[in-house]
Amino acid sequence: MTPYSRATDQYLAQKVMGASPEQLVAMLLEAGQRYLLKTVQAMGRRDCPGQAQATDRVFAILQELTLRLNREEGGELATNLLRTYEWWGRELMQANMKRQPERLERISEQMGDLKQTWEQLHQMKVGAAQAQTPFLTGALAG
């Protein structure tokens, strides 16, 4: 392991530890997009081991996204997200078997849209929390 990779690992660990649940989902979706791109690139090179490895990573991300769903409190939203993740998994499998990178690109676009939604939700929560916290300018003046 190089010093650079150790620093990168530490940075990612800190980023994950300080992330909100919404940010964690957005990070997973971003990673999913990254590995979908690697799958498409490997498919184009006819690199079967590389394609399989990248595809496995996408499946692992989909599994993690599924595990993060709060089905008890999430109601219809959680059900719809579960259906989306399951559909992505089926599409991923079919696209790999039939060598159809356009299907993978469609999944990636949808992941990007969903990622933006989670990021917006995080920003809304941060904004609401800041609005509830009084600003102490006068209290600090002597």
N, C-alpha and C. Protein backbone atom coordinates (compact mmCIF):
# COMPACT_ATOMS: atom_id res chain seq x y z
N MET A 1 0.85 -1.18 0.00
CA MET A 1 0.00 0.00 0.00
C MET A 1 0.90 1.24 0.00
N THR A 2 0.60 2.14 -0.91
CA THR A 2 1.39 3.37 -1.02
C THR A 2 0.89 4.41 -0.03
N PRO A 3 1.74 5.40 0.28
CA PRO A 3 1.27 6.47 1.17
C PRO A 3 0.04 7.19 0.60
N TYR A 4 -0.02 7.32 -0.72
CA TYR A 4 -1.18 7.97 -1.34
C TYR A 4 -2.45 7.17 -1.10
N SER A 5 -2.38 5.86 -1.28
CA SER A 5 -3.59 5.05 -1.09
C SER A 5 -4.01 5.03 0.38
N ARG A 6 -3.03 5.07 1.29
CA ARG A 6 -3.38 5.15 2.72
C ARG A 6 -4.10 6.46 3.02
N ALA A 7 -3.60 7.56 2.46
CA ALA A 7 -4.23 8.86 2.68
C ALA A 7 -5.62 8.88 2.08
N THR A 8 -5.77 8.29 0.91
CA THR A 8 -7.09 8.22 0.28
C THR A 8 -8.05 7.41 1.12
N ASP A 9 -7.59 6.27 1.64
CA ASP A 9 -8.43 5.44 2.50
C ASP A 9 -8.85 6.19 3.75
N GLN A 10 -7.92 6.94 4.34
CA GLN A 10 -8.24 7.71 5.55
C GLN A 10 -9.25 8.81 5.23
N TYR A 11 -9.06 9.48 4.10
CA TYR A 11 -10.00 10.52 3.69
C TYR A 11 -11.40 9.95 3.50
N LEU A 12 -11.48 8.82 2.79
CA LEU A 12 -12.79 8.20 2.56
C LEU A 12 -13.43 7.76 3.87
N ALA A 13 -12.64 7.20 4.77
CA ALA A 13 -13.18 6.76 6.06
C ALA A 13 -13.74 7.95 6.84
N GLN A 14 -13.03 9.07 6.83
CA GLN A 14 -13.51 10.27 7.52
C GLN A 14 -14.77 10.81 6.86
N LYS A 15 -14.80 10.77 5.54
CA LYS A 15 -15.96 11.26 4.80
C LYS A 15 -17.19 10.42 5.13
N VAL A 16 -17.01 9.11 5.19
CA VAL A 16 -18.13 8.21 5.51
C VAL A 16 -18.58 8.40 6.95
N MET A 17 -17.62 8.51 7.87
CA MET A 17 -17.97 8.64 9.29
C MET A 17 -18.73 9.94 9.57
N GLY A 18 -18.44 10.99 8.81
CA GLY A 18 -19.10 12.27 9.05
C GLY A 18 -20.33 12.51 8.20
N ALA A 19 -20.73 11.52 7.42
CA ALA A 19 -21.82 11.70 6.47
C ALA A 19 -23.18 11.43 7.11
N SER A 20 -24.15 12.15 6.63
CA SER A 20 -25.54 11.90 7.04
C SER A 20 -26.03 10.66 6.30
N PRO A 21 -27.14 10.08 6.73
CA PRO A 21 -27.69 8.93 5.99
C PRO A 21 -27.96 9.27 4.52
N GLU A 22 -28.43 10.48 4.26
CA GLU A 22 -28.69 10.89 2.88
C GLU A 22 -27.40 10.97 2.07
N GLN A 23 -26.36 11.49 2.68
CA GLN A 23 -25.06 11.58 1.99
C GLN A 23 -24.49 10.19 1.73
N LEU A 24 -24.69 9.27 2.65
CA LEU A 24 -24.18 7.91 2.44
C LEU A 24 -24.87 7.25 1.25
N VAL A 25 -26.17 7.43 1.13
CA VAL A 25 -26.88 6.87 -0.02
C VAL A 25 -26.37 7.52 -1.31
N ALA A 26 -26.16 8.83 -1.28
CA ALA A 26 -25.64 9.53 -2.46
C ALA A 26 -24.25 9.01 -2.83
N MET A 27 -23.42 8.75 -1.82
CA MET A 27 -22.07 8.21 -2.09
C MET A 27 -22.15 6.81 -2.71
N LEU A 28 -23.08 6.00 -2.20
CA LEU A 28 -23.25 4.66 -2.78
C LEU A 28 -23.70 4.75 -4.23
N LEU A 29 -24.62 5.64 -4.51
CA LEU A 29 -25.09 5.80 -5.89
C LEU A 29 -23.98 6.31 -6.80
N GLU A 30 -23.17 7.20 -6.29
CA GLU A 30 -22.03 7.70 -7.07
C GLU A 30 -21.04 6.57 -7.37
N ALA A 31 -20.78 5.74 -6.38
CA ALA A 31 -19.90 4.58 -6.58
C ALA A 31 -20.53 3.62 -7.59
N GLY A 32 -21.84 3.44 -7.51
CA GLY A 32 -22.53 2.59 -8.48
C GLY A 32 -22.33 3.10 -9.89
N GLN A 33 -22.43 4.41 -10.08
CA GLN A 33 -22.20 5.00 -11.40
C GLN A 33 -20.77 4.75 -11.87
N ARG A 34 -19.84 4.92 -10.95
CA ARG A 34 -18.41 4.71 -11.29
C ARG A 34 -18.17 3.28 -11.76
N TYR A 35 -18.74 2.31 -11.06
CA TYR A 35 -18.52 0.90 -11.44
C TYR A 35 -19.33 0.51 -12.67
N LEU A 36 -20.46 1.16 -12.90
CA LEU A 36 -21.17 0.93 -14.16
C LEU A 36 -20.33 1.40 -15.34
N LEU A 37 -19.67 2.54 -15.19
CA LEU A 37 -18.79 3.03 -16.24
C LEU A 37 -17.64 2.05 -16.48
N LYS A 38 -17.07 1.52 -15.41
CA LYS A 38 -15.99 0.53 -15.55
C LYS A 38 -16.50 -0.73 -16.24
N THR A 39 -17.75 -1.10 -15.95
CA THR A 39 -18.34 -2.27 -16.61
C THR A 39 -18.47 -2.02 -18.10
N VAL A 40 -18.97 -0.84 -18.47
CA VAL A 40 -19.13 -0.49 -19.89
C VAL A 40 -17.77 -0.47 -20.58
N GLN A 41 -16.77 0.12 -19.92
CA GLN A 41 -15.43 0.19 -20.52
C GLN A 41 -14.85 -1.21 -20.70
N ALA A 42 -14.99 -2.06 -19.71
CA ALA A 42 -14.48 -3.43 -19.81
C ALA A 42 -15.23 -4.19 -20.90
N MET A 43 -16.53 -3.95 -21.02
CA MET A 43 -17.32 -4.59 -22.06
C MET A 43 -16.79 -4.19 -23.44
N GLY A 44 -16.45 -2.92 -23.59
CA GLY A 44 -15.92 -2.43 -24.86
C GLY A 44 -14.57 -3.02 -25.20
N ARG A 45 -13.77 -3.32 -24.18
CA ARG A 45 -12.44 -3.93 -24.40
C ARG A 45 -12.52 -5.45 -24.48
N ARG A 46 -13.71 -5.99 -24.26
CA ARG A 46 -13.91 -7.44 -24.18
C ARG A 46 -13.05 -8.05 -23.07
N ASP A 47 -12.99 -7.30 -21.97
CA ASP A 47 -12.25 -7.71 -20.78
C ASP A 47 -13.24 -8.38 -19.83
N CYS A 48 -13.44 -9.68 -20.02
CA CYS A 48 -14.45 -10.40 -19.22
C CYS A 48 -14.15 -10.37 -17.72
N PRO A 49 -12.89 -10.60 -17.29
CA PRO A 49 -12.64 -10.52 -15.84
C PRO A 49 -12.90 -9.12 -15.27
N GLY A 50 -12.50 -8.09 -16.01
CA GLY A 50 -12.73 -6.72 -15.55
C GLY A 50 -14.21 -6.39 -15.51
N GLN A 51 -14.94 -6.86 -16.51
CA GLN A 51 -16.38 -6.64 -16.56
C GLN A 51 -17.05 -7.34 -15.38
N ALA A 52 -16.65 -8.56 -15.11
CA ALA A 52 -17.25 -9.32 -14.00
C ALA A 52 -16.94 -8.65 -12.67
N GLN A 53 -15.71 -8.18 -12.50
CA GLN A 53 -15.32 -7.55 -11.24
C GLN A 53 -16.12 -6.25 -11.01
N ALA A 54 -16.23 -5.42 -12.05
CA ALA A 54 -16.97 -4.17 -11.91
C ALA A 54 -18.46 -4.45 -11.67
N THR A 55 -18.99 -5.44 -12.37
CA THR A 55 -20.40 -5.81 -12.19
C THR A 55 -20.66 -6.29 -10.77
N ASP A 56 -19.74 -7.08 -10.24
CA ASP A 56 -19.89 -7.56 -8.86
C ASP A 56 -19.95 -6.39 -7.88
N ARG A 57 -19.16 -5.36 -8.15
CA ARG A 57 -19.16 -4.18 -7.27
C ARG A 57 -20.52 -3.48 -7.34
N VAL A 58 -21.09 -3.37 -8.54
CA VAL A 58 -22.40 -2.73 -8.67
C VAL A 58 -23.45 -3.55 -7.90
N PHE A 59 -23.41 -4.87 -8.03
CA PHE A 59 -24.35 -5.71 -7.29
C PHE A 59 -24.19 -5.53 -5.78
N ALA A 60 -22.95 -5.41 -5.32
CA ALA A 60 -22.71 -5.20 -3.89
C ALA A 60 -23.28 -3.86 -3.43
N ILE A 61 -23.16 -2.85 -4.27
CA ILE A 61 -23.72 -1.54 -3.95
C ILE A 61 -25.25 -1.61 -3.91
N LEU A 62 -25.84 -2.29 -4.87
CA LEU A 62 -27.30 -2.45 -4.86
C LEU A 62 -27.76 -3.18 -3.61
N GLN A 63 -27.00 -4.18 -3.20
CA GLN A 63 -27.34 -4.90 -1.98
C GLN A 63 -27.26 -3.97 -0.76
N GLU A 64 -26.23 -3.15 -0.71
CA GLU A 64 -26.09 -2.21 0.41
C GLU A 64 -27.22 -1.19 0.41
N LEU A 65 -27.59 -0.69 -0.76
CA LEU A 65 -28.71 0.24 -0.85
C LEU A 65 -30.00 -0.42 -0.35
N THR A 66 -30.19 -1.67 -0.70
CA THR A 66 -31.38 -2.40 -0.27
C THR A 66 -31.38 -2.57 1.25
N LEU A 67 -30.22 -2.90 1.81
CA LEU A 67 -30.13 -3.09 3.26
C LEU A 67 -30.39 -1.79 4.02
N ARG A 68 -30.10 -0.66 3.42
CA ARG A 68 -30.28 0.63 4.08
C ARG A 68 -31.74 1.11 4.08
N LEU A 69 -32.60 0.45 3.33
CA LEU A 69 -34.00 0.86 3.29
C LEU A 69 -34.68 0.59 4.63
N ASN A 70 -35.42 1.56 5.10
CA ASN A 70 -36.21 1.40 6.31
C ASN A 70 -37.63 1.05 5.86
N ARG A 71 -37.88 -0.23 5.72
CA ARG A 71 -39.16 -0.68 5.18
C ARG A 71 -40.31 -0.47 6.16
N GLU A 72 -40.00 -0.42 7.45
CA GLU A 72 -41.05 -0.24 8.44
C GLU A 72 -41.60 1.18 8.42
N GLU A 73 -40.71 2.17 8.33
CA GLU A 73 -41.13 3.56 8.37
C GLU A 73 -41.17 4.21 6.99
N GLY A 74 -40.54 3.57 6.01
CA GLY A 74 -40.42 4.18 4.68
C GLY A 74 -41.65 4.11 3.82
N GLY A 75 -42.56 3.22 4.16
CA GLY A 75 -43.82 3.11 3.43
C GLY A 75 -43.65 2.89 1.94
N GLU A 76 -44.45 3.63 1.17
CA GLU A 76 -44.47 3.47 -0.28
C GLU A 76 -43.13 3.86 -0.91
N LEU A 77 -42.47 4.86 -0.35
CA LEU A 77 -41.18 5.29 -0.88
C LEU A 77 -40.16 4.14 -0.80
N ALA A 78 -40.07 3.50 0.35
CA ALA A 78 -39.14 2.38 0.51
C ALA A 78 -39.49 1.24 -0.44
N THR A 79 -40.77 0.97 -0.61
CA THR A 79 -41.21 -0.08 -1.54
C THR A 79 -40.80 0.26 -2.96
N ASN A 80 -41.00 1.51 -3.37
CA ASN A 80 -40.63 1.92 -4.72
C ASN A 80 -39.11 1.89 -4.93
N LEU A 81 -38.35 2.29 -3.91
CA LEU A 81 -36.89 2.22 -4.03
C LEU A 81 -36.43 0.76 -4.14
N LEU A 82 -37.04 -0.11 -3.35
CA LEU A 82 -36.71 -1.53 -3.43
C LEU A 82 -36.97 -2.06 -4.83
N ARG A 83 -38.11 -1.72 -5.39
CA ARG A 83 -38.43 -2.16 -6.75
C ARG A 83 -37.43 -1.61 -7.76
N THR A 84 -37.01 -0.37 -7.57
CA THR A 84 -36.02 0.23 -8.47
C THR A 84 -34.69 -0.51 -8.38
N TYR A 85 -34.23 -0.77 -7.17
CA TYR A 85 -32.96 -1.48 -6.99
C TYR A 85 -33.02 -2.88 -7.59
N GLU A 86 -34.14 -3.56 -7.39
CA GLU A 86 -34.30 -4.90 -7.96
C GLU A 86 -34.31 -4.84 -9.49
N TRP A 87 -34.98 -3.85 -10.05
CA TRP A 87 -35.01 -3.69 -11.50
C TRP A 87 -33.62 -3.39 -12.03
N TRP A 88 -32.87 -2.52 -11.34
CA TRP A 88 -31.49 -2.24 -11.75
C TRP A 88 -30.67 -3.53 -11.77
N GLY A 89 -30.85 -4.37 -10.77
CA GLY A 89 -30.11 -5.63 -10.71
C GLY A 89 -30.44 -6.54 -11.89
N ARG A 90 -31.73 -6.64 -12.21
CA ARG A 90 -32.12 -7.46 -13.38
C ARG A 90 -31.57 -6.87 -14.67
N GLU A 91 -31.66 -5.55 -14.81
CA GLU A 91 -31.13 -4.89 -16.01
C GLU A 91 -29.62 -5.09 -16.12
N LEU A 92 -28.94 -4.99 -15.00
CA LEU A 92 -27.49 -5.18 -14.98
C LEU A 92 -27.12 -6.59 -15.46
N MET A 93 -27.85 -7.57 -14.97
CA MET A 93 -27.59 -8.95 -15.36
C MET A 93 -27.86 -9.15 -16.85
N GLN A 94 -29.01 -8.67 -17.31
CA GLN A 94 -29.37 -8.83 -18.72
C GLN A 94 -28.40 -8.09 -19.64
N ALA A 95 -28.05 -6.88 -19.26
CA ALA A 95 -27.13 -6.07 -20.08
C ALA A 95 -25.77 -6.74 -20.19
N ASN A 96 -25.33 -7.36 -19.13
CA ASN A 96 -24.04 -8.05 -19.16
C ASN A 96 -24.10 -9.29 -20.04
N MET A 97 -25.18 -10.05 -19.89
CA MET A 97 -25.30 -11.29 -20.67
C MET A 97 -25.43 -10.99 -22.17
N LYS A 98 -26.15 -9.91 -22.50
CA LYS A 98 -26.41 -9.60 -23.90
C LYS A 98 -25.44 -8.55 -24.46
N ARG A 99 -24.50 -8.13 -23.61
CA ARG A 99 -23.52 -7.10 -24.02
C ARG A 99 -24.21 -5.87 -24.58
N GLN A 100 -25.02 -5.24 -23.73
CA GLN A 100 -25.78 -4.05 -24.12
C GLN A 100 -25.42 -2.88 -23.20
N PRO A 101 -24.34 -2.18 -23.53
CA PRO A 101 -23.89 -1.10 -22.66
C PRO A 101 -24.90 0.04 -22.51
N GLU A 102 -25.78 0.22 -23.50
CA GLU A 102 -26.77 1.30 -23.40
C GLU A 102 -27.71 1.08 -22.22
N ARG A 103 -27.96 -0.16 -21.87
CA ARG A 103 -28.81 -0.45 -20.70
C ARG A 103 -28.09 -0.05 -19.42
N LEU A 104 -26.78 -0.27 -19.38
CA LEU A 104 -25.99 0.12 -18.21
C LEU A 104 -25.93 1.64 -18.09
N GLU A 105 -25.83 2.31 -19.23
CA GLU A 105 -25.79 3.77 -19.21
C GLU A 105 -27.11 4.34 -18.71
N ARG A 106 -28.22 3.70 -19.04
CA ARG A 106 -29.54 4.13 -18.56
C ARG A 106 -29.61 3.99 -17.03
N ILE A 107 -29.10 2.88 -16.51
CA ILE A 107 -29.08 2.69 -15.05
C ILE A 107 -28.25 3.79 -14.41
N SER A 108 -27.09 4.07 -15.00
CA SER A 108 -26.21 5.10 -14.46
C SER A 108 -26.89 6.46 -14.43
N GLU A 109 -27.61 6.80 -15.49
CA GLU A 109 -28.35 8.07 -15.52
C GLU A 109 -29.39 8.12 -14.41
N GLN A 110 -30.10 7.02 -14.22
CA GLN A 110 -31.11 6.97 -13.16
C GLN A 110 -30.47 7.08 -11.78
N MET A 111 -29.32 6.43 -11.62
CA MET A 111 -28.60 6.56 -10.35
C MET A 111 -28.19 8.01 -10.11
N GLY A 112 -27.76 8.68 -11.16
CA GLY A 112 -27.38 10.09 -11.03
C GLY A 112 -28.56 10.96 -10.61
N ASP A 113 -29.72 10.71 -11.20
CA ASP A 113 -30.91 11.47 -10.83
C ASP A 113 -31.29 11.22 -9.37
N LEU A 114 -31.25 9.97 -8.96
CA LEU A 114 -31.58 9.63 -7.58
C LEU A 114 -30.55 10.20 -6.61
N LYS A 115 -29.29 10.18 -7.01
CA LYS A 115 -28.22 10.76 -6.18
C LYS A 115 -28.49 12.25 -5.94
N GLN A 116 -28.87 12.97 -6.97
CA GLN A 116 -29.18 14.39 -6.82
C GLN A 116 -30.34 14.61 -5.86
N THR A 117 -31.32 13.74 -5.91
CA THR A 117 -32.46 13.85 -5.01
C THR A 117 -32.03 13.67 -3.56
N TRP A 118 -31.19 12.68 -3.29
CA TRP A 118 -30.69 12.46 -1.92
C TRP A 118 -29.84 13.64 -1.46
N GLU A 119 -29.04 14.21 -2.35
CA GLU A 119 -28.22 15.37 -1.99
C GLU A 119 -29.11 16.57 -1.67
N GLN A 120 -30.17 16.76 -2.44
CA GLN A 120 -31.11 17.86 -2.18
C GLN A 120 -31.80 17.66 -0.84
N LEU A 121 -32.19 16.43 -0.54
CA LEU A 121 -32.82 16.14 0.75
C LEU A 121 -31.86 16.48 1.89
N HIS A 122 -30.60 16.11 1.74
CA HIS A 122 -29.60 16.45 2.76
C HIS A 122 -29.51 17.96 2.94
N GLN A 123 -29.45 18.71 1.83
CA GLN A 123 -29.35 20.16 1.91
C GLN A 123 -30.58 20.77 2.58
N MET A 124 -31.74 20.23 2.29
CA MET A 124 -32.97 20.72 2.92
C MET A 124 -32.92 20.50 4.43
N LYS A 125 -32.44 19.33 4.85
CA LYS A 125 -32.34 19.05 6.28
C LYS A 125 -31.33 19.96 6.96
N VAL A 126 -30.20 20.20 6.30
CA VAL A 126 -29.18 21.09 6.85
C VAL A 126 -29.75 22.50 6.97
N GLY A 127 -30.44 22.94 5.94
CA GLY A 127 -31.05 24.28 5.96
C GLY A 127 -32.07 24.41 7.07
N ALA A 128 -32.89 23.38 7.25
CA ALA A 128 -33.90 23.42 8.32
C ALA A 128 -33.26 23.44 9.69
N ALA A 129 -32.18 22.67 9.86
CA ALA A 129 -31.48 22.65 11.15
C ALA A 129 -30.82 23.99 11.44
N GLN A 130 -30.28 24.62 10.42
CA GLN A 130 -29.64 25.93 10.61
C GLN A 130 -30.67 26.99 10.94
N ALA A 131 -31.84 26.89 10.35
CA ALA A 131 -32.90 27.86 10.60
C ALA A 131 -33.40 27.77 12.04
N GLN A 132 -33.29 26.58 12.64
CA GLN A 132 -33.76 26.39 14.01
C GLN A 132 -32.71 26.77 15.04
N THR A 133 -31.45 26.93 14.61
CA THR A 133 -30.37 27.26 15.53
C THR A 133 -30.20 28.78 15.57
N PRO A 134 -30.38 29.40 16.75
CA PRO A 134 -30.24 30.87 16.83
C PRO A 134 -28.79 31.27 16.60
N PHE A 135 -28.63 32.38 15.93
CA PHE A 135 -27.30 32.91 15.67
C PHE A 135 -26.89 33.76 16.86
N LEU A 136 -25.71 33.57 17.39
CA LEU A 136 -25.29 34.17 18.64
C LEU A 136 -24.41 35.41 18.46
N THR A 137 -24.65 36.25 17.54
CA THR A 137 -23.77 37.39 17.33
C THR A 137 -23.77 38.33 18.54
N GLY A 138 -24.93 38.66 19.02
CA GLY A 138 -25.00 39.59 20.15
C GLY A 138 -24.49 38.98 21.43
N ALA A 139 -24.64 37.69 21.61
CA ALA A 139 -24.23 37.04 22.85
C ALA A 139 -22.71 37.00 22.98
N LEU A 140 -22.00 37.05 21.87
CA LEU A 140 -20.54 36.99 21.92
C LEU A 140 -19.90 38.34 22.13
N ALA A 141 -20.61 39.41 21.87
CA ALA A 141 -20.04 40.77 22.03
C ALA A 141 -19.99 41.12 23.52
N GLY A 142 -18.93 41.76 23.92
CA GLY A 142 -18.72 42.04 25.32
C GLY A 142 -19.18 43.34 25.71
